[in-house]
Amino acid sequence: MSQIASVFAGLRARGEAALVPYFTAGDPDLPTSEALVRAAVAEGADAIELGVPFSDPMADGPVLQRSAGRALAAGTTLPRVLELVGRLRATISQPLILFGYYNPFFRYGVAELARDAASAGADGLLCVDLPPEEAHDLRTAARTANLDLIALLAPTTPPARIRTIARTASGFLYFVSVLGTTGARADLPSALPEWVRRVRQVTSLPVGVGLPARWRTAAPMGHRRGWRVFSEASGRRCAPLPPPARDRRSAADGQRVERRRTRRGALSGVPGADGLQAPGAAVPRLPALRAPRASRRR
């Protein structure tokens, strides 16, 4: 069992959800990214996603486009992101997932990427723009390196294709909760719980979803197992940045507040989901890093 699968299995046994913060590596610089990841882990993150910045992030909205632009302007490259993974792995045990686009992966070499990512201490890869029909080389390289290759699903993915994707994916499935590019939304589609239920009918893999901010303080969502979300905190980086030390302190303070709320069952989500990707890309009031207990198990 992989480290990612082990984390989800442990949380499932306790009736809890996974919370997986997302950070654009190198925004605003790599030392700050490292400190923010450590702060997230200290406050209870179950796993970490590190976004590899890319110049043409076509699946992302303006918030994460700007985040990637800042990281690239700071000199962040894929080799430097792998160095960051190595530094983090030396002191943290939570799964680390590289989240990126195929162009940087291809230029680096997919076999070399999988080998070096595993050597640095990464646990999984997620490639945003690589359809499963074209993913054989990356899938083979990831399997050889004992890395999970996490796949994406959309509201428009038919059941037969969900089965096809799930057969070759590992770790968890990321269900894109809205159509269009990434970014904060005022609300979720009313059909999202039904979409997630359909996914769960055809696979036992954990399912992660993205939730807009206001859902995190609504009514308890019931038998969820985890969540996934991003963008909101990266958006705050569009304003002038606070000093890194204050940034980290405020982030940790915000996490403690949200963890207290989650213990009271104040968070909401989607029935049947297994993971939340938190908008961890920094700045004050980093959101909750511990999901509430589920009211029932599946």
Protein backbone atom coordinates (compact mmCIF):
# COMPACT_ATOMS: atom_id res chain seq x y z
CA MET A 1 0.00 0.00 0.00
CA SER A 2 1.36 3.43 -0.95
CA GLN A 3 1.82 6.21 1.57
CA ILE A 4 -1.09 8.15 0.06
CA ALA A 5 -3.37 5.10 0.17
CA SER A 6 -2.28 4.42 3.74
CA VAL A 7 -3.21 7.93 4.87
CA PHE A 8 -6.67 7.71 3.30
CA ALA A 9 -7.22 4.22 4.74
CA GLY A 10 -6.28 5.38 8.22
CA LEU A 11 -8.61 8.35 8.05
CA ARG A 12 -11.40 6.20 6.65
CA ALA A 13 -11.02 3.79 9.57
CA ARG A 14 -11.49 6.74 11.95
CA GLY A 15 -14.40 8.16 9.96
CA GLU A 16 -12.44 11.30 9.13
CA ALA A 17 -11.78 13.31 6.00
CA ALA A 18 -8.37 14.04 4.50
CA LEU A 19 -7.34 17.64 4.05
CA VAL A 20 -4.66 18.31 1.44
CA PRO A 21 -3.34 21.88 1.18
CA TYR A 22 -2.10 23.07 -2.20
CA PHE A 23 0.91 25.38 -2.50
CA THR A 24 2.40 26.79 -5.68
CA ALA A 25 6.06 25.99 -5.09
CA GLY A 26 8.13 29.16 -5.15
CA ASP A 27 5.31 31.66 -4.57
CA PRO A 28 6.59 34.14 -3.48
CA ASP A 29 9.88 32.22 -3.13
CA LEU A 30 11.03 28.72 -2.24
CA PRO A 31 12.10 29.42 1.37
CA THR A 32 8.66 30.86 2.13
CA SER A 33 6.95 27.91 0.43
CA GLU A 34 8.99 25.55 2.57
CA ALA A 35 8.08 27.41 5.75
CA LEU A 36 4.39 27.47 4.84
CA VAL A 37 4.31 23.74 4.13
CA ARG A 38 5.94 23.08 7.48
CA ALA A 39 3.35 25.32 9.18
CA ALA A 40 0.54 23.41 7.44
CA VAL A 41 1.96 20.07 8.53
CA ALA A 42 2.42 21.29 12.10
CA GLU A 43 -1.26 22.21 12.17
CA GLY A 44 -2.50 18.86 10.91
CA ALA A 45 -2.36 18.64 7.11
CA ASP A 46 -2.82 15.04 5.99
CA ALA A 47 -0.86 15.45 2.74
CA ILE A 48 0.64 18.29 0.70
CA GLU A 49 0.30 19.19 -2.96
CA LEU A 50 3.15 21.21 -4.47
CA GLY A 51 2.26 22.96 -7.69
CA VAL A 52 5.06 23.05 -10.27
CA PRO A 53 4.77 26.53 -11.84
CA PHE A 54 4.24 26.66 -15.59
CA SER A 55 4.10 29.62 -17.97
CA ASP A 56 0.84 28.53 -19.66
CA PRO A 57 -1.43 27.06 -16.96
CA MET A 58 -4.47 26.71 -19.18
CA ALA A 59 -6.60 24.88 -16.60
CA ASP A 60 -6.13 27.61 -14.01
CA GLY A 61 -7.96 30.85 -13.47
CA PRO A 62 -6.31 34.23 -12.87
CA VAL A 63 -5.50 33.53 -9.22
CA LEU A 64 -3.28 30.53 -9.86
CA GLN A 65 -1.99 32.00 -13.11
CA ARG A 66 -0.62 34.92 -11.13
CA SER A 67 0.69 32.57 -8.47
CA ALA A 68 2.62 30.58 -11.08
CA GLY A 69 3.89 33.80 -12.64
CA ARG A 70 5.28 34.99 -9.32
CA ALA A 71 6.98 31.65 -8.73
CA LEU A 72 8.58 31.68 -12.18
CA ALA A 73 9.70 35.27 -11.70
CA ALA A 74 11.39 34.16 -8.47
CA GLY A 75 13.41 31.60 -10.44
CA THR A 76 11.46 28.46 -9.55
CA THR A 77 12.18 25.49 -11.82
CA LEU A 78 11.23 21.83 -11.66
CA PRO A 79 14.71 20.81 -10.41
CA ARG A 80 14.43 23.38 -7.64
CA VAL A 81 10.97 22.07 -6.72
CA LEU A 82 12.49 18.59 -6.41
CA GLU A 83 15.15 20.04 -4.11
CA LEU A 84 12.34 21.52 -2.02
CA VAL A 85 10.69 18.09 -1.84
CA GLY A 86 13.96 16.64 -0.57
CA ARG A 87 14.28 19.25 2.17
CA LEU A 88 10.70 18.70 3.27
CA ARG A 89 10.96 14.93 3.22
CA ALA A 90 13.92 15.07 5.59
CA THR A 91 11.65 16.19 8.42
CA ILE A 92 8.00 15.46 7.55
CA SER A 93 6.21 12.17 6.95
CA GLN A 94 3.03 13.38 5.22
CA PRO A 95 2.63 12.41 1.54
CA LEU A 96 4.00 14.95 -0.94
CA ILE A 97 2.34 15.19 -4.36
CA LEU A 98 3.74 17.06 -7.36
CA PHE A 99 0.90 18.80 -9.20
CA GLY A 100 1.72 20.16 -12.63
CA TYR A 101 1.38 20.35 -16.40
CA TYR A 102 2.84 17.89 -18.85
CA ASN A 103 5.17 20.30 -20.66
CA PRO A 104 7.64 20.70 -17.75
CA PHE A 105 7.36 16.98 -16.98
CA PHE A 106 8.04 16.06 -20.62
CA ARG A 107 10.98 18.44 -20.96
CA TYR A 108 12.52 17.02 -17.82
CA GLY A 109 11.90 13.47 -19.07
CA VAL A 110 9.07 11.45 -17.58
CA ALA A 111 11.27 8.52 -16.54
CA GLU A 112 13.82 10.88 -15.04
CA LEU A 113 11.09 12.89 -13.31
CA ALA A 114 9.55 9.83 -11.70
CA ARG A 115 12.96 8.55 -10.63
CA ASP A 116 14.13 11.88 -9.21
CA ALA A 117 10.79 12.70 -7.59
CA ALA A 118 10.77 9.36 -5.80
CA SER A 119 14.41 9.79 -4.81
CA ALA A 120 13.63 13.22 -3.37
CA GLY A 121 10.76 11.79 -1.36
CA ALA A 122 7.63 12.52 -3.39
CA ASP A 123 4.73 10.08 -3.12
CA GLY A 124 2.64 10.94 -6.15
CA LEU A 125 2.21 12.90 -9.37
CA LEU A 126 -0.82 14.67 -10.78
CA CYS A 127 -0.64 15.91 -14.36
CA VAL A 128 -3.41 18.36 -15.14
CA ASP A 129 -3.47 18.23 -18.93
CA LEU A 130 -2.51 14.65 -19.80
CA PRO A 131 -5.45 12.48 -20.93
CA PRO A 132 -5.28 8.82 -19.92
CA GLU A 133 -4.91 7.70 -23.54
CA GLU A 134 -1.60 9.61 -23.71
CA ALA A 135 -0.37 8.80 -20.21
CA HIS A 136 1.26 5.41 -20.80
CA ASP A 137 4.85 6.65 -20.50
CA LEU A 138 4.21 8.67 -17.35
CA ARG A 139 2.09 5.89 -15.86
CA THR A 140 4.81 3.32 -16.49
CA ALA A 141 7.49 5.60 -15.07
CA ALA A 142 5.42 6.36 -11.98
CA ARG A 143 4.69 2.68 -11.39
CA THR A 144 8.37 1.79 -11.77
CA ALA A 145 9.28 4.46 -9.21
CA ASN A 146 6.46 3.41 -6.84
CA LEU A 147 4.70 6.75 -7.21
CA ASP A 148 0.93 7.15 -7.29
CA LEU A 149 -0.41 8.75 -10.46
CA ILE A 150 -3.52 10.67 -9.48
CA ALA A 151 -6.17 11.17 -12.17
CA LEU A 152 -8.77 13.86 -12.73
CA LEU A 153 -12.48 13.44 -13.35
CA ALA A 154 -14.99 16.06 -14.48
CA PRO A 155 -18.77 16.44 -14.16
CA THR A 156 -18.92 15.57 -17.86
CA THR A 157 -16.99 12.27 -17.50
CA PRO A 158 -19.38 9.39 -18.36
CA PRO A 159 -19.46 6.25 -16.17
CA ALA A 160 -17.64 4.07 -18.71
CA ARG A 161 -14.77 6.53 -18.87
CA ILE A 162 -14.69 6.85 -15.08
CA ARG A 163 -14.09 3.09 -14.95
CA THR A 164 -11.33 3.35 -17.55
CA ILE A 165 -9.59 6.17 -15.69
CA ALA A 166 -9.99 4.55 -12.28
CA ARG A 167 -8.45 1.28 -13.48
CA THR A 168 -5.12 2.97 -14.15
CA ALA A 169 -5.14 5.63 -11.42
CA SER A 170 -3.79 5.21 -7.92
CA GLY A 171 -3.71 7.17 -4.68
CA PHE A 172 -7.00 8.99 -5.14
CA LEU A 173 -9.18 10.54 -7.84
CA TYR A 174 -9.51 14.30 -8.03
CA PHE A 175 -13.05 15.25 -9.04
CA VAL A 176 -13.15 18.71 -10.60
CA SER A 177 -16.22 20.14 -8.89
CA VAL A 178 -16.95 22.91 -11.42
CA LEU A 179 -16.61 23.33 -15.15
CA GLY A 180 -14.06 25.83 -16.39
CA THR A 181 -10.77 26.98 -14.93
CA THR A 182 -9.76 26.83 -11.29
CA GLY A 183 -10.66 29.64 -8.94
CA ALA A 184 -12.93 30.67 -6.11
CA ARG A 185 -16.65 30.09 -6.68
CA ALA A 186 -19.59 31.48 -4.77
CA ASP A 187 -21.26 28.09 -4.62
CA LEU A 188 -21.10 24.50 -5.81
CA PRO A 189 -23.31 22.86 -8.42
CA SER A 190 -26.36 21.33 -6.76
CA ALA A 191 -25.67 18.09 -8.64
CA LEU A 192 -22.18 17.63 -7.15
CA PRO A 193 -23.22 15.10 -4.45
CA GLU A 194 -24.87 12.98 -7.13
CA TRP A 195 -21.78 13.20 -9.36
CA VAL A 196 -19.56 12.03 -6.52
CA ARG A 197 -22.00 9.21 -5.73
CA ARG A 198 -21.73 8.01 -9.33
CA VAL A 199 -17.95 7.95 -9.09
CA ARG A 200 -18.10 5.95 -5.88
CA GLN A 201 -20.37 3.40 -7.57
CA VAL A 202 -17.61 2.41 -10.01
CA THR A 203 -14.42 2.65 -7.94
CA SER A 204 -13.17 2.16 -4.42
CA LEU A 205 -10.45 4.79 -4.84
CA PRO A 206 -10.78 7.80 -2.54
CA VAL A 207 -12.42 10.81 -4.18
CA GLY A 208 -11.22 14.36 -3.58
CA VAL A 209 -13.22 17.45 -4.50
CA GLY A 210 -12.75 21.20 -4.51
CA LEU A 211 -15.01 23.35 -2.36
CA PRO A 212 -15.56 27.12 -2.41
CA ALA A 213 -14.78 29.01 0.78
CA ARG A 214 -18.30 29.57 2.04
CA TRP A 215 -19.04 25.83 2.05
CA ARG A 216 -16.37 25.36 4.67
CA THR A 217 -18.55 27.07 7.27
CA ALA A 218 -21.94 25.65 6.38
CA ALA A 219 -23.82 22.69 7.86
CA PRO A 220 -22.03 19.39 8.47
CA MET A 221 -21.87 17.35 5.31
CA GLY A 222 -22.43 13.91 6.79
CA HIS A 223 -20.61 10.85 5.56
CA ARG A 224 -17.78 12.49 3.69
CA ARG A 225 -14.29 11.02 3.90
CA GLY A 226 -12.27 13.95 2.66
CA TRP A 227 -12.01 17.12 0.67
CA ARG A 228 -9.90 19.02 -1.80
CA VAL A 229 -9.90 22.76 -2.70
CA PHE A 230 -7.65 25.60 -3.97
CA SER A 231 -7.12 29.21 -5.14
CA GLU A 232 -8.60 31.40 -2.43
CA ALA A 233 -5.42 31.83 -0.43
CA SER A 234 -3.32 32.27 -3.55
CA GLY A 235 -5.63 35.11 -4.43
CA ARG A 236 -4.69 36.88 -1.26
CA ARG A 237 -1.15 36.97 -2.59
CA CYS A 238 -2.30 39.41 -5.24
CA ALA A 239 -2.25 42.03 -2.49
CA PRO A 240 1.05 43.28 -1.02
CA LEU A 241 2.69 40.39 0.82
CA PRO A 242 3.31 40.54 4.56
CA PRO A 243 6.78 39.71 5.89
CA PRO A 244 7.34 35.93 5.71
CA ALA A 245 7.62 35.49 9.49
CA ARG A 246 4.30 37.23 10.08
CA ASP A 247 2.83 35.34 7.14
CA ARG A 248 3.71 31.99 8.70
CA ARG A 249 2.52 33.05 12.14
CA SER A 250 -0.84 34.27 10.81
CA ALA A 251 -1.26 31.11 8.77
CA ALA A 252 -0.73 28.91 11.80
CA ASP A 253 -3.08 31.02 13.92
CA GLY A 254 -5.78 30.74 11.27
CA GLN A 255 -5.36 26.98 11.09
CA ARG A 256 -5.78 26.61 14.85
CA VAL A 257 -9.03 28.59 14.74
CA GLU A 258 -10.38 26.48 11.88
CA ARG A 259 -9.36 23.22 13.53
CA ARG A 260 -11.40 24.20 16.60
CA ARG A 261 -14.36 24.87 14.32
CA THR A 262 -14.02 21.53 12.59
CA ARG A 263 -14.07 19.70 15.92
CA ARG A 264 -17.48 21.27 16.47
CA GLY A 265 -18.59 19.98 13.05
CA ALA A 266 -18.81 23.45 11.52
CA LEU A 267 -17.44 22.51 8.09
CA SER A 268 -19.44 21.37 5.12
CA GLY A 269 -18.78 19.43 1.96
CA VAL A 270 -20.04 16.75 -0.39
CA PRO A 271 -21.46 13.40 0.78
CA GLY A 272 -19.21 10.55 -0.26
CA ALA A 273 -16.09 12.61 -0.96
CA ASP A 274 -12.76 11.56 0.55
CA GLY A 275 -10.46 14.58 0.40
CA LEU A 276 -10.29 18.38 0.46
CA GLN A 277 -7.45 20.23 -1.19
CA ALA A 278 -7.18 23.32 0.98
CA PRO A 279 -6.23 26.71 -0.47
CA GLY A 280 -2.93 26.48 1.34
CA ALA A 281 -0.96 28.67 -1.02
CA ALA A 282 -0.23 30.86 1.90
CA VAL A 283 -0.96 34.11 3.49
CA PRO A 284 -2.79 34.98 6.65
CA ARG A 285 -5.74 32.87 7.75
CA LEU A 286 -4.68 29.67 6.06
CA PRO A 287 -7.85 27.55 6.13
CA ALA A 288 -8.63 24.48 8.17
CA LEU A 289 -6.10 21.70 8.16
CA ARG A 290 -8.20 19.07 9.85
CA ALA A 291 -11.51 17.82 8.56
CA PRO A 292 -14.33 17.06 11.00
CA ARG A 293 -15.37 13.57 11.93
CA ALA A 294 -17.91 12.01 9.63
CA SER A 295 -21.29 11.31 11.13
CA ARG A 296 -21.27 7.87 9.58
CA ARG A 297 -18.86 5.62 7.80
CA ARG A 298 -19.10 3.92 4.49
